[in-house]
Full PDB file with SEQRES, HELIX, SHEET, SSBOND, CRYST1, ORIGX, SCALE, CONECT and MASTER records, all heavy atoms in Angstrom:
SEQRES   1 A   39  ARG LYS ASP GLY GLN LEU GLN LEU ARG ASN ARG ALA LYS          
SEQRES   2 A   39  PRO ASN GLU PRO THR GLN ARG LEU SER ILE GLU ASN LEU          
SEQRES   3 A   39  ILE PRO ARG LEU ILE ALA GLN GLN GLN GLU ASN PRO ASP          
HELIX    1 AA1 ILE A   23  GLU A   36  1                                  14    
SHEET    1 AA1 2 LEU A   6  LEU A   8  0                                        
SHEET    2 AA1 2 GLN A  19  LEU A  21 -1                                        
CRYST1    1.000    1.000    1.000  90.00  90.00  90.00 P 1           1          
ORIGX1      1.000000  0.000000  0.000000        0.00000                         
ORIGX2      0.000000  1.000000  0.000000        0.00000                         
ORIGX3      0.000000  0.000000  1.000000        0.00000                         
SCALE1      1.000000  0.000000  0.000000        0.00000                         
SCALE2      0.000000  1.000000  0.000000        0.00000                         
SCALE3      0.000000  0.000000  1.000000        0.00000                         
ATOM      1  N   ARG A   1      -5.086 -39.260  12.327  1.00  0.00           N  
ATOM      2  CA  ARG A   1      -3.869 -39.460  13.112  1.00  0.00           C  
ATOM      3  C   ARG A   1      -3.264 -40.837  12.859  1.00  0.00           C  
ATOM      4  O   ARG A   1      -3.877 -41.690  12.232  1.00  0.00           O  
ATOM      5  CB  ARG A   1      -4.193 -39.307  14.607  1.00  0.00           C  
ATOM      6  CG  ARG A   1      -4.749 -37.958  14.968  1.00  0.00           C  
ATOM      7  CD  ARG A   1      -3.638 -36.976  15.069  1.00  0.00           C  
ATOM      8  NE  ARG A   1      -4.199 -35.650  15.368  1.00  0.00           N  
ATOM      9  CZ  ARG A   1      -3.606 -34.548  15.042  1.00  0.00           C  
ATOM     10  NH1 ARG A   1      -2.458 -34.564  14.425  1.00  0.00           N  
ATOM     11  NH2 ARG A   1      -4.144 -33.391  15.317  1.00  0.00           N  
ATOM     12  N   LYS A   2      -2.054 -41.063  13.388  1.00  0.00           N  
ATOM     13  CA  LYS A   2      -1.360 -42.339  13.211  1.00  0.00           C  
ATOM     14  C   LYS A   2      -2.183 -43.515  13.719  1.00  0.00           C  
ATOM     15  O   LYS A   2      -2.168 -44.591  13.147  1.00  0.00           O  
ATOM     16  CB  LYS A   2      -0.024 -42.325  13.959  1.00  0.00           C  
ATOM     17  CG  LYS A   2       1.020 -41.438  13.367  1.00  0.00           C  
ATOM     18  CD  LYS A   2       2.281 -41.501  14.196  1.00  0.00           C  
ATOM     19  CE  LYS A   2       3.281 -40.475  13.712  1.00  0.00           C  
ATOM     20  NZ  LYS A   2       4.501 -40.476  14.517  1.00  0.00           N  
ATOM     21  N   ASP A   3      -2.883 -43.280  14.823  1.00  0.00           N  
ATOM     22  CA  ASP A   3      -3.668 -44.364  15.419  1.00  0.00           C  
ATOM     23  C   ASP A   3      -5.040 -44.537  14.758  1.00  0.00           C  
ATOM     24  O   ASP A   3      -5.854 -45.333  15.212  1.00  0.00           O  
ATOM     25  CB  ASP A   3      -3.838 -44.127  16.920  1.00  0.00           C  
ATOM     26  CG  ASP A   3      -4.489 -42.790  17.242  1.00  0.00           C  
ATOM     27  OD1 ASP A   3      -4.790 -42.023  16.307  1.00  0.00           O  
ATOM     28  OD2 ASP A   3      -4.695 -42.505  18.437  1.00  0.00           O  
ATOM     29  N   GLY A   4      -5.317 -43.797  13.676  1.00  0.00           N  
ATOM     30  CA  GLY A   4      -6.580 -43.920  12.954  1.00  0.00           C  
ATOM     31  C   GLY A   4      -7.682 -43.040  13.494  1.00  0.00           C  
ATOM     32  O   GLY A   4      -8.810 -43.080  12.997  1.00  0.00           O  
ATOM     33  N   GLN A   5      -7.385 -42.241  14.490  1.00  0.00           N  
ATOM     34  CA  GLN A   5      -8.391 -41.367  15.094  1.00  0.00           C  
ATOM     35  C   GLN A   5      -8.665 -40.176  14.178  1.00  0.00           C  
ATOM     36  O   GLN A   5      -7.743 -39.610  13.589  1.00  0.00           O  
ATOM     37  CB  GLN A   5      -7.888 -40.889  16.444  1.00  0.00           C  
ATOM     38  CG  GLN A   5      -8.916 -40.149  17.242  1.00  0.00           C  
ATOM     39  CD  GLN A   5      -8.377 -39.818  18.618  1.00  0.00           C  
ATOM     40  OE1 GLN A   5      -7.189 -39.897  18.858  1.00  0.00           O  
ATOM     41  NE2 GLN A   5      -9.259 -39.449  19.508  1.00  0.00           N  
ATOM     42  N   LEU A   6      -9.938 -39.785  14.082  1.00  0.00           N  
ATOM     43  CA  LEU A   6     -10.343 -38.669  13.236  1.00  0.00           C  
ATOM     44  C   LEU A   6     -10.561 -37.425  14.080  1.00  0.00           C  
ATOM     45  O   LEU A   6     -11.114 -37.497  15.184  1.00  0.00           O  
ATOM     46  CB  LEU A   6     -11.643 -38.997  12.495  1.00  0.00           C  
ATOM     47  CG  LEU A   6     -11.605 -40.181  11.542  1.00  0.00           C  
ATOM     48  CD1 LEU A   6     -12.986 -40.428  10.975  1.00  0.00           C  
ATOM     49  CD2 LEU A   6     -10.619 -39.935  10.431  1.00  0.00           C  
ATOM     50  N   GLN A   7     -10.148 -36.299  13.549  1.00  0.00           N  
ATOM     51  CA  GLN A   7     -10.402 -35.008  14.187  1.00  0.00           C  
ATOM     52  C   GLN A   7     -10.914 -34.049  13.130  1.00  0.00           C  
ATOM     53  O   GLN A   7     -10.540 -34.147  11.954  1.00  0.00           O  
ATOM     54  CB  GLN A   7      -9.133 -34.453  14.830  1.00  0.00           C  
ATOM     55  CG  GLN A   7      -8.651 -35.256  16.002  1.00  0.00           C  
ATOM     56  CD  GLN A   7      -7.422 -34.630  16.649  1.00  0.00           C  
ATOM     57  OE1 GLN A   7      -6.664 -33.917  16.007  1.00  0.00           O  
ATOM     58  NE2 GLN A   7      -7.232 -34.908  17.922  1.00  0.00           N  
ATOM     59  N   LEU A   8     -11.761 -33.122  13.543  1.00  0.00           N  
ATOM     60  CA  LEU A   8     -12.317 -32.124  12.628  1.00  0.00           C  
ATOM     61  C   LEU A   8     -11.868 -30.749  13.074  1.00  0.00           C  
ATOM     62  O   LEU A   8     -11.991 -30.382  14.246  1.00  0.00           O  
ATOM     63  CB  LEU A   8     -13.847 -32.205  12.616  1.00  0.00           C  
ATOM     64  CG  LEU A   8     -14.566 -31.232  11.686  1.00  0.00           C  
ATOM     65  CD1 LEU A   8     -14.226 -31.540  10.233  1.00  0.00           C  
ATOM     66  CD2 LEU A   8     -16.061 -31.305  11.901  1.00  0.00           C  
ATOM     67  N   ARG A   9     -11.323 -29.985  12.132  1.00  0.00           N  
ATOM     68  CA  ARG A   9     -10.873 -28.624  12.406  1.00  0.00           C  
ATOM     69  C   ARG A   9     -11.536 -27.693  11.398  1.00  0.00           C  
ATOM     70  O   ARG A   9     -11.522 -27.946  10.198  1.00  0.00           O  
ATOM     71  CB  ARG A   9      -9.360 -28.527  12.251  1.00  0.00           C  
ATOM     72  CG  ARG A   9      -8.827 -27.119  12.483  1.00  0.00           C  
ATOM     73  CD  ARG A   9      -7.373 -26.979  12.129  1.00  0.00           C  
ATOM     74  NE  ARG A   9      -6.555 -27.939  12.858  1.00  0.00           N  
ATOM     75  CZ  ARG A   9      -5.320 -28.272  12.498  1.00  0.00           C  
ATOM     76  NH1 ARG A   9      -4.771 -27.756  11.434  1.00  0.00           N  
ATOM     77  NH2 ARG A   9      -4.630 -29.149  13.195  1.00  0.00           N  
ATOM     78  N   ASN A  10     -12.135 -26.616  11.889  1.00  0.00           N  
ATOM     79  CA  ASN A  10     -12.717 -25.598  11.014  1.00  0.00           C  
ATOM     80  C   ASN A  10     -11.658 -24.531  10.796  1.00  0.00           C  
ATOM     81  O   ASN A  10     -11.376 -23.734  11.689  1.00  0.00           O  
ATOM     82  CB  ASN A  10     -13.981 -25.006  11.645  1.00  0.00           C  
ATOM     83  CG  ASN A  10     -14.722 -24.087  10.705  1.00  0.00           C  
ATOM     84  OD1 ASN A  10     -14.254 -23.780   9.617  1.00  0.00           O  
ATOM     85  ND2 ASN A  10     -15.890 -23.637  11.125  1.00  0.00           N  
ATOM     86  N   ARG A  11     -11.079 -24.503   9.605  1.00  0.00           N  
ATOM     87  CA  ARG A  11     -10.018 -23.534   9.334  1.00  0.00           C  
ATOM     88  C   ARG A  11     -10.546 -22.113   9.229  1.00  0.00           C  
ATOM     89  O   ARG A  11      -9.777 -21.168   9.290  1.00  0.00           O  
ATOM     90  CB  ARG A  11      -9.284 -23.917   8.056  1.00  0.00           C  
ATOM     91  CG  ARG A  11      -8.443 -25.143   8.229  1.00  0.00           C  
ATOM     92  CD  ARG A  11      -7.685 -25.461   6.983  1.00  0.00           C  
ATOM     93  NE  ARG A  11      -6.389 -25.994   7.371  1.00  0.00           N  
ATOM     94  CZ  ARG A  11      -5.301 -25.847   6.667  1.00  0.00           C  
ATOM     95  NH1 ARG A  11      -5.313 -25.173   5.551  1.00  0.00           N  
ATOM     96  NH2 ARG A  11      -4.174 -26.369   7.074  1.00  0.00           N  
ATOM     97  N   ALA A  12     -11.860 -21.950   9.068  1.00  0.00           N  
ATOM     98  CA  ALA A  12     -12.439 -20.609   9.044  1.00  0.00           C  
ATOM     99  C   ALA A  12     -12.417 -19.997  10.444  1.00  0.00           C  
ATOM    100  O   ALA A  12     -12.447 -18.783  10.596  1.00  0.00           O  
ATOM    101  CB  ALA A  12     -13.866 -20.658   8.505  1.00  0.00           C  
ATOM    102  N   LYS A  13     -12.390 -20.853  11.453  1.00  0.00           N  
ATOM    103  CA  LYS A  13     -12.334 -20.395  12.847  1.00  0.00           C  
ATOM    104  C   LYS A  13     -11.107 -21.013  13.504  1.00  0.00           C  
ATOM    105  O   LYS A  13     -11.181 -22.046  14.162  1.00  0.00           O  
ATOM    106  CB  LYS A  13     -13.612 -20.813  13.578  1.00  0.00           C  
ATOM    107  CG  LYS A  13     -14.857 -20.222  12.985  1.00  0.00           C  
ATOM    108  CD  LYS A  13     -16.096 -20.763  13.658  1.00  0.00           C  
ATOM    109  CE  LYS A  13     -17.339 -20.210  12.991  1.00  0.00           C  
ATOM    110  NZ  LYS A  13     -18.557 -20.820  13.530  1.00  0.00           N  
ATOM    111  N   PRO A  14      -9.940 -20.396  13.334  1.00  0.00           N  
ATOM    112  CA  PRO A  14      -8.705 -21.013  13.833  1.00  0.00           C  
ATOM    113  C   PRO A  14      -8.622 -21.103  15.352  1.00  0.00           C  
ATOM    114  O   PRO A  14      -7.852 -21.892  15.883  1.00  0.00           O  
ATOM    115  CB  PRO A  14      -7.602 -20.112  13.271  1.00  0.00           C  
ATOM    116  CG  PRO A  14      -8.257 -18.834  12.934  1.00  0.00           C  
ATOM    117  CD  PRO A  14      -9.696 -19.136  12.657  1.00  0.00           C  
ATOM    118  N   ASN A  15      -9.409 -20.314  16.078  1.00  0.00           N  
ATOM    119  CA  ASN A  15      -9.348 -20.338  17.537  1.00  0.00           C  
ATOM    120  C   ASN A  15     -10.130 -21.502  18.130  1.00  0.00           C  
ATOM    121  O   ASN A  15      -9.972 -21.818  19.303  1.00  0.00           O  
ATOM    122  CB  ASN A  15      -9.866 -19.023  18.113  1.00  0.00           C  
ATOM    123  CG  ASN A  15      -8.984 -17.858  17.716  1.00  0.00           C  
ATOM    124  OD1 ASN A  15      -7.804 -18.029  17.432  1.00  0.00           O  
ATOM    125  ND2 ASN A  15      -9.545 -16.670  17.675  1.00  0.00           N  
ATOM    126  N   GLU A  16     -11.000 -22.121  17.339  1.00  0.00           N  
ATOM    127  CA  GLU A  16     -11.766 -23.269  17.809  1.00  0.00           C  
ATOM    128  C   GLU A  16     -10.857 -24.475  17.942  1.00  0.00           C  
ATOM    129  O   GLU A  16     -10.042 -24.740  17.063  1.00  0.00           O  
ATOM    130  CB  GLU A  16     -12.881 -23.614  16.805  1.00  0.00           C  
ATOM    131  CG  GLU A  16     -14.231 -23.145  17.211  1.00  0.00           C  
ATOM    132  CD  GLU A  16     -15.301 -23.624  16.236  1.00  0.00           C  
ATOM    133  OE1 GLU A  16     -15.149 -24.693  15.625  1.00  0.00           O  
ATOM    134  OE2 GLU A  16     -16.290 -22.919  16.109  1.00  0.00           O  
ATOM    135  N   PRO A  17     -10.988 -25.244  19.006  1.00  0.00           N  
ATOM    136  CA  PRO A  17     -10.148 -26.451  19.127  1.00  0.00           C  
ATOM    137  C   PRO A  17     -10.636 -27.543  18.175  1.00  0.00           C  
ATOM    138  O   PRO A  17     -11.783 -27.554  17.747  1.00  0.00           O  
ATOM    139  CB  PRO A  17     -10.351 -26.867  20.590  1.00  0.00           C  
ATOM    140  CG  PRO A  17     -11.683 -26.305  20.957  1.00  0.00           C  
ATOM    141  CD  PRO A  17     -11.845 -25.031  20.169  1.00  0.00           C  
ATOM    142  N   THR A  18      -9.724 -28.449  17.853  1.00  0.00           N  
ATOM    143  CA  THR A  18     -10.116 -29.581  17.017  1.00  0.00           C  
ATOM    144  C   THR A  18     -10.966 -30.528  17.846  1.00  0.00           C  
ATOM    145  O   THR A  18     -10.811 -30.625  19.062  1.00  0.00           O  
ATOM    146  CB  THR A  18      -8.885 -30.331  16.479  1.00  0.00           C  
ATOM    147  OG1 THR A  18      -8.125 -30.787  17.587  1.00  0.00           O  
ATOM    148  CG2 THR A  18      -8.046 -29.446  15.591  1.00  0.00           C  
ATOM    149  N   GLN A  19     -11.877 -31.227  17.174  1.00  0.00           N  
ATOM    150  CA  GLN A  19     -12.798 -32.123  17.866  1.00  0.00           C  
ATOM    151  C   GLN A  19     -12.549 -33.546  17.420  1.00  0.00           C  
ATOM    152  O   GLN A  19     -12.458 -33.823  16.226  1.00  0.00           O  
ATOM    153  CB  GLN A  19     -14.242 -31.722  17.547  1.00  0.00           C  
ATOM    154  CG  GLN A  19     -14.553 -30.298  17.935  1.00  0.00           C  
ATOM    155  CD  GLN A  19     -15.870 -29.832  17.348  1.00  0.00           C  
ATOM    156  OE1 GLN A  19     -16.534 -30.568  16.651  1.00  0.00           O  
ATOM    157  NE2 GLN A  19     -16.229 -28.612  17.650  1.00  0.00           N  
ATOM    158  N   ARG A  20     -12.444 -34.453  18.375  1.00  0.00           N  
ATOM    159  CA  ARG A  20     -12.270 -35.863  18.056  1.00  0.00           C  
ATOM    160  C   ARG A  20     -13.641 -36.451  17.780  1.00  0.00           C  
ATOM    161  O   ARG A  20     -14.562 -36.320  18.581  1.00  0.00           O  
ATOM    162  CB  ARG A  20     -11.614 -36.601  19.209  1.00  0.00           C  
ATOM    163  CG  ARG A  20     -10.212 -36.146  19.453  1.00  0.00           C  
ATOM    164  CD  ARG A  20      -9.590 -36.893  20.582  1.00  0.00           C  
ATOM    165  NE  ARG A  20      -8.213 -36.442  20.747  1.00  0.00           N  
ATOM    166  CZ  ARG A  20      -7.335 -37.058  21.486  1.00  0.00           C  
ATOM    167  NH1 ARG A  20      -7.663 -38.140  22.138  1.00  0.00           N  
ATOM    168  NH2 ARG A  20      -6.117 -36.593  21.568  1.00  0.00           N  
ATOM    169  N   LEU A  21     -13.753 -37.097  16.617  1.00  0.00           N  
ATOM    170  CA  LEU A  21     -15.032 -37.651  16.201  1.00  0.00           C  
ATOM    171  C   LEU A  21     -14.828 -39.018  15.568  1.00  0.00           C  
ATOM    172  O   LEU A  21     -13.765 -39.319  15.044  1.00  0.00           O  
ATOM    173  CB  LEU A  21     -15.706 -36.737  15.171  1.00  0.00           C  
ATOM    174  CG  LEU A  21     -16.050 -35.316  15.594  1.00  0.00           C  
ATOM    175  CD1 LEU A  21     -16.440 -34.497  14.396  1.00  0.00           C  
ATOM    176  CD2 LEU A  21     -17.176 -35.328  16.604  1.00  0.00           C  
ATOM    177  N   SER A  22     -15.894 -39.797  15.586  1.00  0.00           N  
ATOM    178  CA  SER A  22     -15.892 -41.033  14.810  1.00  0.00           C  
ATOM    179  C   SER A  22     -16.462 -40.701  13.434  1.00  0.00           C  
ATOM    180  O   SER A  22     -17.028 -39.630  13.218  1.00  0.00           O  
ATOM    181  CB  SER A  22     -16.751 -42.098  15.494  1.00  0.00           C  
ATOM    182  OG  SER A  22     -18.108 -41.694  15.498  1.00  0.00           O  
ATOM    183  N   ILE A  23     -16.328 -41.615  12.497  1.00  0.00           N  
ATOM    184  CA  ILE A  23     -16.832 -41.369  11.144  1.00  0.00           C  
ATOM    185  C   ILE A  23     -18.352 -41.201  11.161  1.00  0.00           C  
ATOM    186  O   ILE A  23     -18.901 -40.433  10.375  1.00  0.00           O  
ATOM    187  CB  ILE A  23     -16.375 -42.496  10.179  1.00  0.00           C  
ATOM    188  CG1 ILE A  23     -16.616 -42.105   8.727  1.00  0.00           C  
ATOM    189  CG2 ILE A  23     -17.067 -43.793  10.481  1.00  0.00           C  
ATOM    190  CD1 ILE A  23     -15.695 -41.085   8.203  1.00  0.00           C  
ATOM    191  N   GLU A  24     -19.039 -41.897  12.077  1.00  0.00           N  
ATOM    192  CA  GLU A  24     -20.502 -41.788  12.167  1.00  0.00           C  
ATOM    193  C   GLU A  24     -20.934 -40.405  12.654  1.00  0.00           C  
ATOM    194  O   GLU A  24     -21.981 -39.909  12.275  1.00  0.00           O  
ATOM    195  CB  GLU A  24     -21.074 -42.866  13.106  1.00  0.00           C  
ATOM    196  CG  GLU A  24     -20.919 -44.284  12.607  1.00  0.00           C  
ATOM    197  CD  GLU A  24     -19.542 -44.878  12.901  1.00  0.00           C  
ATOM    198  OE1 GLU A  24     -18.839 -44.371  13.809  1.00  0.00           O  
ATOM    199  OE2 GLU A  24     -19.171 -45.826  12.195  1.00  0.00           O  
ATOM    200  N   ASN A  25     -20.127 -39.774  13.523  1.00  0.00           N  
ATOM    201  CA  ASN A  25     -20.447 -38.436  14.018  1.00  0.00           C  
ATOM    202  C   ASN A  25     -19.942 -37.344  13.076  1.00  0.00           C  
ATOM    203  O   ASN A  25     -20.467 -36.234  13.072  1.00  0.00           O  
ATOM    204  CB  ASN A  25     -19.843 -38.222  15.407  1.00  0.00           C  
ATOM    205  CG  ASN A  25     -20.423 -39.161  16.441  1.00  0.00           C  
ATOM    206  OD1 ASN A  25     -21.548 -39.637  16.299  1.00  0.00           O  
ATOM    207  ND2 ASN A  25     -19.653 -39.449  17.468  1.00  0.00           N  
ATOM    208  N   LEU A  26     -18.921 -37.672  12.303  1.00  0.00           N  
ATOM    209  CA  LEU A  26     -18.316 -36.689  11.408  1.00  0.00           C  
ATOM    210  C   LEU A  26     -19.228 -36.344  10.236  1.00  0.00           C  
ATOM    211  O   LEU A  26     -19.392 -35.167   9.892  1.00  0.00           O  
ATOM    212  CB  LEU A  26     -16.977 -37.243  10.894  1.00  0.00           C  
ATOM    213  CG  LEU A  26     -16.231 -36.407   9.870  1.00  0.00           C  
ATOM    214  CD1 LEU A  26     -15.656 -35.179  10.537  1.00  0.00           C  
ATOM    215  CD2 LEU A  26     -15.141 -37.221   9.224  1.00  0.00           C  
ATOM    216  N   ILE A  27     -19.836 -37.344   9.640  1.00  0.00           N  
ATOM    217  CA  ILE A  27     -20.649 -37.143   8.432  1.00  0.00           C  
ATOM    218  C   ILE A  27     -21.827 -36.203   8.681  1.00  0.00           C  
ATOM    219  O   ILE A  27     -22.014 -35.247   7.917  1.00  0.00           O  
ATOM    220  CB  ILE A  27     -21.117 -38.507   7.869  1.00  0.00           C  
ATOM    221  CG1 ILE A  27     -19.912 -39.353   7.458  1.00  0.00           C  
ATOM    222  CG2 ILE A  27     -22.084 -38.322   6.721  1.00  0.00           C  
ATOM    223  CD1 ILE A  27     -19.088 -38.789   6.347  1.00  0.00           C  
ATOM    224  N   PRO A  28     -22.649 -36.405   9.729  1.00  0.00           N  
ATOM    225  CA  PRO A  28     -23.765 -35.466   9.930  1.00  0.00           C  
ATOM    226  C   PRO A  28     -23.317 -34.023  10.157  1.00  0.00           C  
ATOM    227  O   PRO A  28     -23.971 -33.082   9.726  1.00  0.00           O  
ATOM    228  CB  PRO A  28     -24.487 -36.012  11.162  1.00  0.00           C  
ATOM    229  CG  PRO A  28     -24.068 -37.423  11.279  1.00  0.00           C  
ATOM    230  CD  PRO A  28     -22.710 -37.511  10.671  1.00  0.00           C  
ATOM    231  N   ARG A  29     -22.163 -33.854  10.815  1.00  0.00           N  
ATOM    232  CA  ARG A  29     -21.650 -32.488  11.027  1.00  0.00           C  
ATOM    233  C   ARG A  29     -21.269 -31.820   9.730  1.00  0.00           C  
ATOM    234  O   ARG A  29     -21.558 -30.647   9.501  1.00  0.00           O  
ATOM    235  CB  ARG A  29     -20.443 -32.534  11.949  1.00  0.00           C  
ATOM    236  CG  ARG A  29     -20.930 -32.288  13.364  1.00  0.00           C  
ATOM    237  CD  ARG A  29     -19.864 -31.957  14.230  1.00  0.00           C  
ATOM    238  NE  ARG A  29     -19.560 -30.539  14.146  1.00  0.00           N  
ATOM    239  CZ  ARG A  29     -18.811 -29.957  15.017  1.00  0.00           C  
ATOM    240  NH1 ARG A  29     -18.300 -30.649  15.984  1.00  0.00           N  
ATOM    241  NH2 ARG A  29     -18.555 -28.698  14.916  1.00  0.00           N  
ATOM    242  N   LEU A  30     -20.595 -32.579   8.857  1.00  0.00           N  
ATOM    243  CA  LEU A  30     -20.197 -32.010   7.571  1.00  0.00           C  
ATOM    244  C   LEU A  30     -21.412 -31.724   6.694  1.00  0.00           C  
ATOM    245  O   LEU A  30     -21.443 -30.717   5.990  1.00  0.00           O  
ATOM    246  CB  LEU A  30     -19.223 -32.947   6.854  1.00  0.00           C  
ATOM    247  CG  LEU A  30     -17.830 -33.042   7.461  1.00  0.00           C  
ATOM    248  CD1 LEU A  30     -17.014 -34.094   6.750  1.00  0.00           C  
ATOM    249  CD2 LEU A  30     -17.136 -31.698   7.411  1.00  0.00           C  
ATOM    250  N   ILE A  31     -22.411 -32.591   6.724  1.00  0.00           N  
ATOM    251  CA  ILE A  31     -23.631 -32.350   5.945  1.00  0.00           C  
ATOM    252  C   ILE A  31     -24.306 -31.076   6.419  1.00  0.00           C  
ATOM    253  O   ILE A  31     -24.719 -30.239   5.615  1.00  0.00           O  
ATOM    254  CB  ILE A  31     -24.578 -33.569   6.038  1.00  0.00           C  
ATOM    255  CG1 ILE A  31     -23.976 -34.754   5.285  1.00  0.00           C  
ATOM    256  CG2 ILE A  31     -25.952 -33.231   5.490  1.00  0.00           C  
ATOM    257  CD1 ILE A  31     -24.739 -36.046   5.455  1.00  0.00           C  
ATOM    258  N   ALA A  32     -24.405 -30.893   7.737  1.00  0.00           N  
ATOM    259  CA  ALA A  32     -25.032 -29.679   8.282  1.00  0.00           C  
ATOM    260  C   ALA A  32     -24.236 -28.434   7.910  1.00  0.00           C  
ATOM    261  O   ALA A  32     -24.806 -27.401   7.543  1.00  0.00           O  
ATOM    262  CB  ALA A  32     -25.165 -29.799   9.797  1.00  0.00           C  
ATOM    263  N   GLN A  33     -22.914 -28.527   7.981  1.00  0.00           N  
ATOM    264  CA  GLN A  33     -22.078 -27.368   7.655  1.00  0.00           C  
ATOM    265  C   GLN A  33     -22.155 -27.027   6.173  1.00  0.00           C  
ATOM    266  O   GLN A  33     -22.161 -25.859   5.804  1.00  0.00           O  
ATOM    267  CB  GLN A  33     -20.621 -27.632   8.053  1.00  0.00           C  
ATOM    268  CG  GLN A  33     -20.385 -27.626   9.539  1.00  0.00           C  
ATOM    269  CD  GLN A  33     -20.616 -26.258  10.160  1.00  0.00           C  
ATOM    270  OE1 GLN A  33     -20.507 -25.229   9.512  1.00  0.00           O  
ATOM    271  NE2 GLN A  33     -20.971 -26.248  11.427  1.00  0.00           N  
ATOM    272  N   GLN A  34     -22.215 -28.045   5.309  1.00  0.00           N  
ATOM    273  CA  GLN A  34     -22.292 -27.751   3.881  1.00  0.00           C  
ATOM    274  C   GLN A  34     -23.676 -27.260   3.472  1.00  0.00           C  
ATOM    275  O   GLN A  34     -23.801 -26.571   2.476  1.00  0.00           O  
ATOM    276  CB  GLN A  34     -21.874 -28.960   3.050  1.00  0.00           C  
ATOM    277  CG  GLN A  34     -20.372 -29.090   3.003  1.00  0.00           C  
ATOM    278  CD  GLN A  34     -19.873 -29.819   1.777  1.00  0.00           C  
ATOM    279  OE1 GLN A  34     -20.563 -30.635   1.203  1.00  0.00           O  
ATOM    280  NE2 GLN A  34     -18.651 -29.515   1.393  1.00  0.00           N  
ATOM    281  N   GLN A  35     -24.698 -27.602   4.222  1.00  0.00           N  
ATOM    282  CA  GLN A  35     -26.008 -27.016   3.943  1.00  0.00           C  
ATOM    283  C   GLN A  35     -26.004 -25.542   4.339  1.00  0.00           C  
ATOM    284  O   GLN A  35     -26.624 -24.718   3.686  1.00  0.00           O  
ATOM    285  CB  GLN A  35     -27.100 -27.768   4.696  1.00  0.00           C  
ATOM    286  CG  GLN A  35     -27.411 -29.112   4.085  1.00  0.00           C  
ATOM    287  CD  GLN A  35     -28.398 -29.913   4.907  1.00  0.00           C  
ATOM    288  OE1 GLN A  35     -28.707 -29.566   6.041  1.00  0.00           O  
ATOM    289  NE2 GLN A  35     -28.886 -30.997   4.328  1.00  0.00           N  
ATOM    290  N   GLU A  36     -25.279 -25.227   5.394  1.00  0.00           N  
ATOM    291  CA  GLU A  36     -25.161 -23.841   5.845  1.00  0.00           C  
ATOM    292  C   GLU A  36     -24.242 -23.034   4.934  1.00  0.00           C  
ATOM    293  O   GLU A  36     -24.550 -21.900   4.567  1.00  0.00           O  
ATOM    294  CB  GLU A  36     -24.622 -23.840   7.274  1.00  0.00           C  
ATOM    295  CG  GLU A  36     -24.643 -22.501   7.954  1.00  0.00           C  
ATOM    296  CD  GLU A  36     -24.141 -22.627   9.374  1.00  0.00           C  
ATOM    297  OE1 GLU A  36     -24.616 -23.519  10.106  1.00  0.00           O  
ATOM    298  OE2 GLU A  36     -23.258 -21.824   9.746  1.00  0.00           O  
ATOM    299  N   ASN A  37     -23.099 -23.598   4.546  1.00  0.00           N  
ATOM    300  CA  ASN A  37     -22.109 -22.957   3.679  1.00  0.00           C  
ATOM    301  C   ASN A  37     -21.762 -23.906   2.537  1.00  0.00           C  
ATOM    302  O   ASN A  37     -20.798 -24.656   2.627  1.00  0.00           O  
ATOM    303  CB  ASN A  37     -20.827 -22.622   4.451  1.00  0.00           C  
ATOM    304  CG  ASN A  37     -21.062 -21.635   5.554  1.00  0.00           C  
ATOM    305  OD1 ASN A  37     -21.795 -20.689   5.387  1.00  0.00           O  
ATOM    306  ND2 ASN A  37     -20.448 -21.880   6.694  1.00  0.00           N  
ATOM    307  N   PRO A  38     -22.515 -23.881   1.430  1.00  0.00           N  
ATOM    308  CA  PRO A  38     -22.245 -24.842   0.353  1.00  0.00           C  
ATOM    309  C   PRO A  38     -20.910 -24.620  -0.363  1.00  0.00           C  
ATOM    310  O   PRO A  38     -20.420 -25.518  -1.028  1.00  0.00           O  
ATOM    311  CB  PRO A  38     -23.412 -24.654  -0.615  1.00  0.00           C  
ATOM    312  CG  PRO A  38     -24.104 -23.422  -0.203  1.00  0.00           C  
ATOM    313  CD  PRO A  38     -23.680 -23.073   1.175  1.00  0.00           C  
ATOM    314  N   ASP A  39     -20.306 -23.452  -0.226  1.00  0.00           N  
ATOM    315  CA  ASP A  39     -19.032 -23.179  -0.899  1.00  0.00           C  
ATOM    316  C   ASP A  39     -17.823 -23.630  -0.088  1.00  0.00           C  
ATOM    317  O   ASP A  39     -16.701 -23.575  -0.578  1.00  0.00           O  
ATOM    318  CB  ASP A  39     -18.906 -21.679  -1.188  1.00  0.00           C  
ATOM    319  CG  ASP A  39     -19.917 -21.214  -2.207  1.00  0.00           C  
ATOM    320  OD1 ASP A  39     -20.375 -22.053  -3.008  1.00  0.00           O  
ATOM    321  OD2 ASP A  39     -20.256 -20.021  -2.205  1.00  0.00           O  
TER     322      ASP A  39                                                      
MASTER        0    0    0    1    2    0    0    6  321    1    0    3          
END                                                                             
């Protein structure tokens, strides 16, 4: 966002709301998701 805030959206699940995260919380989530779905 303009203010530098990070949000994560899963486009595979459009009904899920976006989640506000810091970079420290974002990385472990993405690592877990890519281990689950490497593609």
